[in-house]
Structures are given as structure tokens and as C-alpha cells.
Amino acid sequence: MIRASLGNRAKESLIVDIINHTDLDTIDDKASVIDAFFIFAQSEQQREVQELVTDENLNEDAAKRYIMSSLKRKFANENGTELNAVLPKMSPLNPQCLTKKQSFF
């Protein structure tokens, strides 16, 4: 049923995770299910952002701003200074700079 809807398909792993990690008997009504899902999704998003920042050695504040603004716009922009502020400081002439930018973007 989850895969039947294109809108839900993107949320499939979150739905499965909340089912596996939550005692569903403690949730009383439909509104509480939606609230629990929203809280769970936010905590997963924060955990994944922190994991990305740590794994890629990114500037934490800039990375959070970039990711949140990209989510609001519903697209990520690789042009401008926003993405460059996220990445670790390195010379644009360094061949690893472009590789790092592409791997993050």
C-alpha cells in the first residue's frame, strides 16, 4: 500500500522505521500518529545531517543552513557561495576540491 502512492514511496523507509521503533499501541488516534511520524522524521533528519557533517568533515552551521534552505526550496543549488561555505577549506585549484564538491552535491 505504501508503494502504491508516489508521494508515500519516498517516505517508505521512514514509515517502516517508525513502525519498527515505536510502540503503536500507545498512539491513540490518527492525529497522534501524524504527530509521532512528524517528530520521528525530524529526529531522523537531524541524525542524518549530523552523520553527514561528521563523515564528510563539513562546516556544521553552514551545512545545516544549506540543507534546510535546500529542503525549503525543494532543490539544491551548487552555484554560489552557500555550498562552498559547507565544504572544508581548500584551494579551488586543488583537484580534490571539485571531487569533494561533487561527492557532497
N, C-alpha and C. Protein backbone atom coordinates (compact mmCIF):
# COMPACT_ATOMS: atom_id res chain seq x y z
N MET A 1 0.82 -1.19 0.00
CA MET A 1 0.00 0.00 0.00
C MET A 1 0.87 1.26 0.00
N ILE A 2 2.00 1.22 0.70
CA ILE A 2 2.90 2.38 0.75
C ILE A 2 3.44 2.68 -0.64
N ARG A 3 3.80 1.64 -1.37
CA ARG A 3 4.39 1.82 -2.70
C ARG A 3 3.37 2.22 -3.75
N ALA A 4 2.08 2.15 -3.45
CA ALA A 4 1.05 2.49 -4.41
C ALA A 4 1.01 3.98 -4.70
N SER A 5 1.45 4.78 -3.77
CA SER A 5 1.42 6.24 -3.92
C SER A 5 2.82 6.77 -4.14
N LEU A 6 2.99 7.59 -5.18
CA LEU A 6 4.30 8.19 -5.43
C LEU A 6 4.74 9.07 -4.27
N GLY A 7 3.81 9.77 -3.65
CA GLY A 7 4.15 10.63 -2.52
C GLY A 7 4.62 9.85 -1.31
N ASN A 8 4.07 8.67 -1.10
CA ASN A 8 4.46 7.85 0.04
C ASN A 8 5.70 7.03 -0.22
N ARG A 9 5.98 6.74 -1.48
CA ARG A 9 7.12 5.89 -1.81
C ARG A 9 8.43 6.48 -1.29
N ALA A 10 8.56 7.79 -1.34
CA ALA A 10 9.78 8.45 -0.84
C ALA A 10 9.88 8.34 0.68
N LYS A 11 8.76 8.16 1.34
CA LYS A 11 8.74 8.08 2.80
C LYS A 11 8.72 6.63 3.31
N GLU A 12 8.84 5.68 2.40
CA GLU A 12 8.69 4.26 2.77
C GLU A 12 9.63 3.85 3.90
N SER A 13 10.90 4.19 3.78
CA SER A 13 11.85 3.75 4.81
C SER A 13 11.54 4.41 6.16
N LEU A 14 11.09 5.66 6.14
CA LEU A 14 10.70 6.33 7.39
C LEU A 14 9.49 5.64 8.02
N ILE A 15 8.53 5.28 7.19
CA ILE A 15 7.32 4.62 7.69
C ILE A 15 7.68 3.27 8.31
N VAL A 16 8.52 2.51 7.63
CA VAL A 16 8.94 1.21 8.15
C VAL A 16 9.72 1.39 9.45
N ASP A 17 10.61 2.39 9.49
CA ASP A 17 11.41 2.63 10.70
C ASP A 17 10.54 3.03 11.88
N ILE A 18 9.56 3.89 11.66
CA ILE A 18 8.71 4.30 12.79
C ILE A 18 7.88 3.13 13.28
N ILE A 19 7.44 2.26 12.38
CA ILE A 19 6.69 1.07 12.79
C ILE A 19 7.57 0.17 13.65
N ASN A 20 8.84 0.02 13.25
CA ASN A 20 9.75 -0.86 13.98
C ASN A 20 10.24 -0.28 15.30
N HIS A 21 10.28 1.05 15.42
CA HIS A 21 10.86 1.68 16.60
C HIS A 21 9.83 2.29 17.56
N THR A 22 8.56 2.18 17.25
CA THR A 22 7.53 2.82 18.07
C THR A 22 6.53 1.77 18.55
N ASP A 23 6.10 1.93 19.78
CA ASP A 23 5.03 1.08 20.30
C ASP A 23 3.72 1.70 19.82
N LEU A 24 3.17 1.15 18.76
CA LEU A 24 1.99 1.74 18.13
C LEU A 24 0.74 1.64 19.01
N ASP A 25 0.75 0.76 19.99
CA ASP A 25 -0.40 0.64 20.90
C ASP A 25 -0.55 1.87 21.79
N THR A 26 0.52 2.64 21.95
CA THR A 26 0.45 3.84 22.80
C THR A 26 -0.11 5.05 22.05
N ILE A 27 -0.27 4.93 20.74
CA ILE A 27 -0.79 6.04 19.94
C ILE A 27 -2.31 5.89 19.85
N ASP A 28 -3.02 6.93 20.29
CA ASP A 28 -4.47 6.84 20.44
C ASP A 28 -5.27 7.05 19.16
N ASP A 29 -4.97 8.11 18.43
CA ASP A 29 -5.81 8.45 17.29
C ASP A 29 -4.96 8.83 16.07
N LYS A 30 -5.65 9.14 14.99
CA LYS A 30 -4.99 9.46 13.72
C LYS A 30 -4.08 10.69 13.85
N ALA A 31 -4.54 11.70 14.55
CA ALA A 31 -3.74 12.91 14.72
C ALA A 31 -2.45 12.61 15.49
N SER A 32 -2.53 11.73 16.46
CA SER A 32 -1.34 11.36 17.24
C SER A 32 -0.34 10.58 16.39
N VAL A 33 -0.84 9.78 15.46
CA VAL A 33 0.03 9.04 14.53
C VAL A 33 0.80 10.03 13.66
N ILE A 34 0.10 11.02 13.15
CA ILE A 34 0.73 12.03 12.30
C ILE A 34 1.77 12.81 13.09
N ASP A 35 1.43 13.20 14.32
CA ASP A 35 2.38 13.92 15.17
C ASP A 35 3.61 13.08 15.47
N ALA A 36 3.40 11.80 15.79
CA ALA A 36 4.52 10.90 16.10
C ALA A 36 5.41 10.72 14.87
N PHE A 37 4.80 10.61 13.69
CA PHE A 37 5.57 10.46 12.46
C PHE A 37 6.39 11.72 12.20
N PHE A 38 5.79 12.89 12.38
CA PHE A 38 6.48 14.16 12.14
C PHE A 38 7.68 14.31 13.08
N ILE A 39 7.49 13.99 14.35
CA ILE A 39 8.58 14.08 15.33
C ILE A 39 9.69 13.09 14.99
N PHE A 40 9.29 11.86 14.63
CA PHE A 40 10.27 10.84 14.25
C PHE A 40 11.05 11.27 13.01
N ALA A 41 10.35 11.80 12.01
CA ALA A 41 11.00 12.23 10.77
C ALA A 41 12.00 13.36 11.03
N GLN A 42 11.62 14.30 11.89
CA GLN A 42 12.54 15.39 12.23
C GLN A 42 13.78 14.88 12.94
N SER A 43 13.61 13.95 13.86
CA SER A 43 14.78 13.43 14.58
C SER A 43 15.68 12.63 13.65
N GLU A 44 15.10 11.89 12.72
CA GLU A 44 15.90 11.15 11.73
C GLU A 44 16.65 12.11 10.81
N GLN A 45 15.98 13.20 10.42
CA GLN A 45 16.63 14.19 9.57
C GLN A 45 17.82 14.81 10.29
N GLN A 46 17.65 15.17 11.54
CA GLN A 46 18.75 15.75 12.31
C GLN A 46 19.89 14.76 12.50
N ARG A 47 19.56 13.50 12.73
CA ARG A 47 20.58 12.47 12.90
C ARG A 47 21.37 12.28 11.60
N GLU A 48 20.66 12.25 10.47
CA GLU A 48 21.33 12.06 9.18
C GLU A 48 22.19 13.27 8.81
N VAL A 49 21.73 14.47 9.12
CA VAL A 49 22.53 15.67 8.86
C VAL A 49 23.80 15.63 9.70
N GLN A 50 23.67 15.28 10.97
CA GLN A 50 24.84 15.20 11.85
C GLN A 50 25.81 14.13 11.36
N GLU A 51 25.29 13.01 10.91
CA GLU A 51 26.13 11.93 10.38
C GLU A 51 26.88 12.39 9.13
N LEU A 52 26.18 13.12 8.25
CA LEU A 52 26.80 13.64 7.03
C LEU A 52 27.90 14.64 7.36
N VAL A 53 27.62 15.54 8.29
CA VAL A 53 28.60 16.55 8.70
C VAL A 53 29.85 15.88 9.25
N THR A 54 29.66 14.88 10.09
CA THR A 54 30.79 14.18 10.69
C THR A 54 31.57 13.37 9.65
N ASP A 55 30.86 12.60 8.84
CA ASP A 55 31.52 11.74 7.85
C ASP A 55 32.30 12.53 6.80
N GLU A 56 31.74 13.68 6.38
CA GLU A 56 32.37 14.46 5.31
C GLU A 56 33.23 15.61 5.83
N ASN A 57 33.31 15.76 7.16
CA ASN A 57 34.11 16.82 7.78
C ASN A 57 33.67 18.20 7.28
N LEU A 58 32.36 18.46 7.37
CA LEU A 58 31.78 19.70 6.86
C LEU A 58 31.67 20.74 7.96
N ASN A 59 31.51 22.00 7.54
CA ASN A 59 31.22 23.09 8.46
C ASN A 59 29.78 22.89 8.94
N GLU A 60 29.61 22.60 10.21
CA GLU A 60 28.30 22.18 10.73
C GLU A 60 27.21 23.23 10.54
N ASP A 61 27.46 24.48 10.95
CA ASP A 61 26.43 25.51 10.84
C ASP A 61 26.06 25.79 9.39
N ALA A 62 27.07 25.91 8.53
CA ALA A 62 26.82 26.18 7.11
C ALA A 62 26.09 25.00 6.46
N ALA A 63 26.46 23.78 6.84
CA ALA A 63 25.81 22.59 6.27
C ALA A 63 24.34 22.55 6.65
N LYS A 64 24.04 22.84 7.91
CA LYS A 64 22.64 22.83 8.35
C LYS A 64 21.83 23.90 7.63
N ARG A 65 22.41 25.10 7.48
CA ARG A 65 21.72 26.18 6.75
C ARG A 65 21.47 25.77 5.31
N TYR A 66 22.50 25.22 4.66
CA TYR A 66 22.40 24.83 3.25
C TYR A 66 21.34 23.74 3.06
N ILE A 67 21.36 22.74 3.91
CA ILE A 67 20.40 21.64 3.78
C ILE A 67 18.98 22.13 4.05
N MET A 68 18.79 22.93 5.09
CA MET A 68 17.45 23.42 5.40
C MET A 68 16.91 24.34 4.30
N SER A 69 17.76 25.22 3.77
CA SER A 69 17.28 26.10 2.70
C SER A 69 17.01 25.30 1.42
N SER A 70 17.80 24.26 1.17
CA SER A 70 17.55 23.41 0.00
C SER A 70 16.23 22.65 0.15
N LEU A 71 15.94 22.19 1.35
CA LEU A 71 14.68 21.50 1.58
C LEU A 71 13.49 22.45 1.41
N LYS A 72 13.63 23.69 1.87
CA LYS A 72 12.55 24.67 1.70
C LYS A 72 12.32 24.99 0.24
N ARG A 73 13.42 25.15 -0.52
CA ARG A 73 13.30 25.46 -1.95
C ARG A 73 12.92 24.24 -2.78
N LYS A 74 13.11 23.06 -2.21
CA LYS A 74 12.86 21.77 -2.86
C LYS A 74 13.86 21.48 -3.98
N PHE A 75 15.03 22.12 -3.91
CA PHE A 75 16.15 21.79 -4.79
C PHE A 75 17.42 22.33 -4.17
N ALA A 76 18.53 21.70 -4.53
CA ALA A 76 19.84 22.13 -4.02
C ALA A 76 20.58 22.85 -5.14
N ASN A 77 21.24 23.94 -4.80
CA ASN A 77 21.96 24.74 -5.78
C ASN A 77 23.46 24.57 -5.57
N GLU A 78 24.16 24.20 -6.62
CA GLU A 78 25.61 24.03 -6.49
C GLU A 78 26.38 25.31 -6.83
N ASN A 79 25.69 26.33 -7.31
CA ASN A 79 26.34 27.60 -7.65
C ASN A 79 26.29 28.54 -6.45
N GLY A 80 27.16 29.52 -6.46
CA GLY A 80 27.18 30.50 -5.38
C GLY A 80 28.09 30.07 -4.24
N THR A 81 27.99 30.81 -3.16
CA THR A 81 28.91 30.58 -2.05
C THR A 81 28.35 29.66 -0.97
N GLU A 82 27.05 29.38 -1.01
CA GLU A 82 26.45 28.54 0.04
C GLU A 82 27.12 27.18 0.14
N LEU A 83 27.25 26.49 -0.98
CA LEU A 83 27.85 25.16 -0.98
C LEU A 83 29.33 25.23 -0.62
N ASN A 84 30.03 26.23 -1.12
CA ASN A 84 31.46 26.37 -0.80
C ASN A 84 31.69 26.58 0.70
N ALA A 85 30.76 27.27 1.36
CA ALA A 85 30.89 27.51 2.80
C ALA A 85 30.73 26.21 3.60
N VAL A 86 30.02 25.26 3.05
CA VAL A 86 29.78 23.98 3.73
C VAL A 86 31.03 23.11 3.72
N LEU A 87 31.73 23.12 2.62
CA LEU A 87 32.87 22.21 2.42
C LEU A 87 34.08 22.64 3.24
N PRO A 88 34.94 21.69 3.56
CA PRO A 88 36.18 22.04 4.27
C PRO A 88 37.00 23.02 3.43
N LYS A 89 37.72 23.91 4.09
CA LYS A 89 38.52 24.91 3.39
C LYS A 89 39.62 24.23 2.58
N MET A 90 39.63 24.49 1.27
CA MET A 90 40.72 24.05 0.41
C MET A 90 40.74 24.93 -0.83
N SER A 91 41.88 25.02 -1.44
CA SER A 91 42.07 25.86 -2.61
C SER A 91 41.23 25.35 -3.78
N PRO A 92 40.59 26.27 -4.52
CA PRO A 92 39.84 25.84 -5.71
C PRO A 92 40.75 25.22 -6.78
N LEU A 93 42.05 25.46 -6.68
CA LEU A 93 43.00 24.88 -7.62
C LEU A 93 43.34 23.43 -7.26
N ASN A 94 43.03 23.04 -6.05
CA ASN A 94 43.29 21.68 -5.60
C ASN A 94 42.31 20.74 -6.32
N PRO A 95 42.82 19.70 -7.00
CA PRO A 95 41.93 18.78 -7.72
C PRO A 95 40.91 18.08 -6.80
N GLN A 96 41.24 17.94 -5.53
CA GLN A 96 40.31 17.30 -4.60
C GLN A 96 39.12 18.20 -4.28
N CYS A 97 39.26 19.49 -4.52
CA CYS A 97 38.17 20.43 -4.22
C CYS A 97 36.93 20.10 -5.06
N LEU A 98 37.11 19.92 -6.36
CA LEU A 98 35.99 19.60 -7.24
C LEU A 98 35.41 18.23 -6.91
N THR A 99 36.28 17.28 -6.61
CA THR A 99 35.83 15.93 -6.25
C THR A 99 34.99 15.97 -4.98
N LYS A 100 35.44 16.72 -3.99
CA LYS A 100 34.71 16.84 -2.72
C LYS A 100 33.36 17.50 -2.96
N LYS A 101 33.34 18.55 -3.77
CA LYS A 101 32.11 19.27 -4.06
C LYS A 101 31.11 18.34 -4.77
N GLN A 102 31.60 17.58 -5.73
CA GLN A 102 30.72 16.66 -6.46
C GLN A 102 30.21 15.54 -5.57
N SER A 103 31.06 15.04 -4.68
CA SER A 103 30.62 13.94 -3.81
C SER A 103 29.56 14.42 -2.82
N PHE A 104 29.68 15.66 -2.36
CA PHE A 104 28.68 16.20 -1.44
C PHE A 104 27.40 16.54 -2.17
N PHE A 105 27.51 17.16 -3.33
CA PHE A 105 26.34 17.60 -4.07
C PHE A 105 25.68 16.42 -4.71
